[in-house]
Amino acid sequence: MAFATISLIAPAIEPWFWLAIFVFCAYVIAKVATGKYFLHGFFVSLFNCVWIIAVHVAFAKTYTANHIEMATSMPPPLSTHPRIAMLVTGPIIGILSGLILGLFSLIASKIVKKKELA
């Protein structure tokens, strides 16, 4: 997603891709983790946040060209420095995503059946 969100996926449909990724990750976490499902989901999103921020900062010109509304919605100091804006807002989005994936993982752990060892 880090590379796909730069120019391939339109901002209007990006949330649907994230929803599919969260559901998939929550399923895998529920299936594989032995406990602490919320924390597993939270930390997966934090790690993912670092990766996405790095890619978006590296390709900031292309990203902002394809996400005009994001660039123009920032307050004046951040709107003129897109890389700094990404470094500031990225971790906040990562934490919020972590809370969502953590919750999804916790819910999935209640639904998904683990494979029983014979």
C-alpha atoms as a PDB file:
ATOM      1  CA  MET A   1       0.000   0.000   0.000  1.00  0.00           C
ATOM      2  CA  ALA A   2       2.861   2.389   0.667  1.00  0.00           C
ATOM      3  CA  PHE A   3       3.783   2.459  -3.017  1.00  0.00           C
ATOM      4  CA  ALA A   4       0.237   2.008  -4.318  1.00  0.00           C
ATOM      5  CA  THR A   5      -1.058   5.072  -2.465  1.00  0.00           C
ATOM      6  CA  ILE A   6       1.539   7.307  -4.074  1.00  0.00           C
ATOM      7  CA  SER A   7      -0.112   7.345  -7.489  1.00  0.00           C
ATOM      8  CA  LEU A   8      -2.028   4.153  -8.277  1.00  0.00           C
ATOM      9  CA  ILE A   9      -4.923   4.191  -5.798  1.00  0.00           C
ATOM     10  CA  ALA A  10      -7.213   7.206  -5.827  1.00  0.00           C
ATOM     11  CA  PRO A  11      -7.726   8.858  -2.419  1.00  0.00           C
ATOM     12  CA  ALA A  12     -11.501   8.333  -2.734  1.00  0.00           C
ATOM     13  CA  ILE A  13     -11.193   4.532  -2.778  1.00  0.00           C
ATOM     14  CA  GLU A  14      -8.137   4.175  -0.554  1.00  0.00           C
ATOM     15  CA  PRO A  15     -10.192   3.582   2.641  1.00  0.00           C
ATOM     16  CA  TRP A  16     -11.754   0.475   1.055  1.00  0.00           C
ATOM     17  CA  PHE A  17      -8.315  -0.983   0.430  1.00  0.00           C
ATOM     18  CA  TRP A  18      -7.357  -0.247   4.045  1.00  0.00           C
ATOM     19  CA  LEU A  19     -10.528  -1.934   5.289  1.00  0.00           C
ATOM     20  CA  ALA A  20      -9.677  -5.076   3.317  1.00  0.00           C
ATOM     21  CA  ILE A  21      -6.106  -5.015   4.663  1.00  0.00           C
ATOM     22  CA  PHE A  22      -7.307  -4.549   8.248  1.00  0.00           C
ATOM     23  CA  VAL A  23      -9.755  -7.445   7.941  1.00  0.00           C
ATOM     24  CA  PHE A  24      -7.076  -9.696   6.442  1.00  0.00           C
ATOM     25  CA  CYS A  25      -4.465  -8.721   9.066  1.00  0.00           C
ATOM     26  CA  ALA A  26      -6.972  -9.169  11.898  1.00  0.00           C
ATOM     27  CA  TYR A  27      -7.813 -12.645  10.603  1.00  0.00           C
ATOM     28  CA  VAL A  28      -4.131 -13.634  10.398  1.00  0.00           C
ATOM     29  CA  ILE A  29      -3.405 -12.222  13.861  1.00  0.00           C
ATOM     30  CA  ALA A  30      -6.410 -14.038  15.331  1.00  0.00           C
ATOM     31  CA  LYS A  31      -5.332 -17.278  13.660  1.00  0.00           C
ATOM     32  CA  VAL A  32      -1.628 -17.129  14.532  1.00  0.00           C
ATOM     33  CA  ALA A  33      -1.203 -15.136  17.753  1.00  0.00           C
ATOM     34  CA  THR A  34      -1.512 -16.945  21.064  1.00  0.00           C
ATOM     35  CA  GLY A  35      -2.858 -13.947  22.949  1.00  0.00           C
ATOM     36  CA  LYS A  36      -2.651 -10.163  23.291  1.00  0.00           C
ATOM     37  CA  TYR A  37      -4.508  -9.752  20.012  1.00  0.00           C
ATOM     38  CA  PHE A  38      -5.078  -6.035  20.449  1.00  0.00           C
ATOM     39  CA  LEU A  39      -1.373  -5.361  21.029  1.00  0.00           C
ATOM     40  CA  HIS A  40      -0.383  -7.481  18.036  1.00  0.00           C
ATOM     41  CA  GLY A  41      -2.719  -5.470  15.813  1.00  0.00           C
ATOM     42  CA  PHE A  42      -1.570  -2.193  17.300  1.00  0.00           C
ATOM     43  CA  PHE A  43       2.122  -2.939  16.787  1.00  0.00           C
ATOM     44  CA  VAL A  44       1.594  -4.258  13.251  1.00  0.00           C
ATOM     45  CA  SER A  45       0.064  -0.884  12.363  1.00  0.00           C
ATOM     46  CA  LEU A  46       2.861   1.043  14.071  1.00  0.00           C
ATOM     47  CA  PHE A  47       5.476  -0.900  12.119  1.00  0.00           C
ATOM     48  CA  ASN A  48       3.471  -0.373   8.933  1.00  0.00           C
ATOM     49  CA  CYS A  49       3.266   3.355   9.704  1.00  0.00           C
ATOM     50  CA  VAL A  50       7.073   3.636   9.691  1.00  0.00           C
ATOM     51  CA  TRP A  51       7.276   1.929   6.308  1.00  0.00           C
ATOM     52  CA  ILE A  52       4.519   4.058   4.767  1.00  0.00           C
ATOM     53  CA  ILE A  53       5.927   7.331   6.105  1.00  0.00           C
ATOM     54  CA  ALA A  54       9.375   6.476   4.718  1.00  0.00           C
ATOM     55  CA  VAL A  55       7.979   5.738   1.250  1.00  0.00           C
ATOM     56  CA  HIS A  56       5.702   8.787   1.215  1.00  0.00           C
ATOM     57  CA  VAL A  57       8.522  11.090   2.316  1.00  0.00           C
ATOM     58  CA  ALA A  58      10.832   9.624  -0.324  1.00  0.00           C
ATOM     59  CA  PHE A  59       8.217  10.222  -3.048  1.00  0.00           C
ATOM     60  CA  ALA A  60       6.699  13.391  -1.560  1.00  0.00           C
ATOM     61  CA  LYS A  61       6.414  15.310  -4.837  1.00  0.00           C
ATOM     62  CA  THR A  62       4.503  12.527  -6.580  1.00  0.00           C
ATOM     63  CA  TYR A  63       2.372  11.836  -3.503  1.00  0.00           C
ATOM     64  CA  THR A  64       1.312  15.468  -3.034  1.00  0.00           C
ATOM     65  CA  ALA A  65       0.628  15.832  -6.775  1.00  0.00           C
ATOM     66  CA  ASN A  66      -1.856  12.967  -6.505  1.00  0.00           C
ATOM     67  CA  HIS A  67      -3.266  14.046  -3.114  1.00  0.00           C
ATOM     68  CA  ILE A  68      -3.900  17.754  -3.641  1.00  0.00           C
ATOM     69  CA  GLU A  69      -6.668  17.906  -1.017  1.00  0.00           C
ATOM     70  CA  MET A  70      -4.291  16.548   1.634  1.00  0.00           C
ATOM     71  CA  ALA A  71      -1.630  19.103   0.769  1.00  0.00           C
ATOM     72  CA  THR A  72      -4.044  22.037   0.744  1.00  0.00           C
ATOM     73  CA  SER A  73      -5.844  21.062   3.956  1.00  0.00           C
ATOM     74  CA  MET A  74      -2.734  21.461   6.123  1.00  0.00           C
ATOM     75  CA  PRO A  75      -2.184  24.637   8.145  1.00  0.00           C
ATOM     76  CA  PRO A  76       0.352  27.132   6.670  1.00  0.00           C
ATOM     77  CA  PRO A  77       3.648  25.881   8.082  1.00  0.00           C
ATOM     78  CA  LEU A  78       2.886  22.285   7.101  1.00  0.00           C
ATOM     79  CA  SER A  79       1.259  23.047   3.750  1.00  0.00           C
ATOM     80  CA  THR A  80       4.501  24.524   2.423  1.00  0.00           C
ATOM     81  CA  HIS A  81       6.606  21.581   3.652  1.00  0.00           C
ATOM     82  CA  PRO A  82       4.885  18.322   2.645  1.00  0.00           C
ATOM     83  CA  ARG A  83       7.657  16.077   3.965  1.00  0.00           C
ATOM     84  CA  ILE A  84       7.446  17.649   7.417  1.00  0.00           C
ATOM     85  CA  ALA A  85       3.653  17.384   7.255  1.00  0.00           C
ATOM     86  CA  MET A  86       3.997  13.662   6.538  1.00  0.00           C
ATOM     87  CA  LEU A  87       6.459  13.203   9.384  1.00  0.00           C
ATOM     88  CA  VAL A  88       4.066  14.977  11.777  1.00  0.00           C
ATOM     89  CA  THR A  89       0.753  13.473  10.690  1.00  0.00           C
ATOM     90  CA  GLY A  90       2.039   9.987   9.796  1.00  0.00           C
ATOM     91  CA  PRO A  91       2.589   8.761  13.357  1.00  0.00           C
ATOM     92  CA  ILE A  92      -0.817  10.113  14.416  1.00  0.00           C
ATOM     93  CA  ILE A  93      -2.473   8.206  11.581  1.00  0.00           C
ATOM     94  CA  GLY A  94      -0.362   5.163  12.488  1.00  0.00           C
ATOM     95  CA  ILE A  95      -1.576   5.266  16.085  1.00  0.00           C
ATOM     96  CA  LEU A  96      -5.212   5.663  15.008  1.00  0.00           C
ATOM     97  CA  SER A  97      -4.796   2.808  12.520  1.00  0.00           C
ATOM     98  CA  GLY A  98      -3.204   0.755  15.271  1.00  0.00           C
ATOM     99  CA  LEU A  99      -6.220   1.272  17.491  1.00  0.00           C
ATOM    100  CA  ILE A 100      -8.507   0.180  14.659  1.00  0.00           C
ATOM    101  CA  LEU A 101      -6.443  -2.886  13.731  1.00  0.00           C
ATOM    102  CA  GLY A 102      -6.062  -3.764  17.402  1.00  0.00           C
ATOM    103  CA  LEU A 103      -9.830  -3.663  17.831  1.00  0.00           C
ATOM    104  CA  PHE A 104     -10.385  -5.659  14.633  1.00  0.00           C
ATOM    105  CA  SER A 105      -7.842  -8.241  15.835  1.00  0.00           C
ATOM    106  CA  LEU A 106      -9.503  -8.526  19.226  1.00  0.00           C
ATOM    107  CA  ILE A 107     -12.918  -9.003  17.616  1.00  0.00           C
ATOM    108  CA  ALA A 108     -11.506 -11.512  15.108  1.00  0.00           C
ATOM    109  CA  SER A 109      -9.968 -13.510  17.971  1.00  0.00           C
ATOM    110  CA  LYS A 110     -13.487 -14.023  19.329  1.00  0.00           C
ATOM    111  CA  ILE A 111     -14.803 -15.195  15.936  1.00  0.00           C
ATOM    112  CA  VAL A 112     -11.955 -17.140  14.289  1.00  0.00           C
ATOM    113  CA  LYS A 113     -11.410 -20.704  15.357  1.00  0.00           C
ATOM    114  CA  LYS A 114      -7.832 -21.747  15.960  1.00  0.00           C
ATOM    115  CA  LYS A 115      -6.512 -24.945  14.468  1.00  0.00           C
ATOM    116  CA  GLU A 116      -6.379 -27.597  17.189  1.00  0.00           C
ATOM    117  CA  LEU A 117      -3.145 -29.515  17.552  1.00  0.00           C
ATOM    118  CA  ALA A 118      -3.528 -33.281  17.381  1.00  0.00           C
END
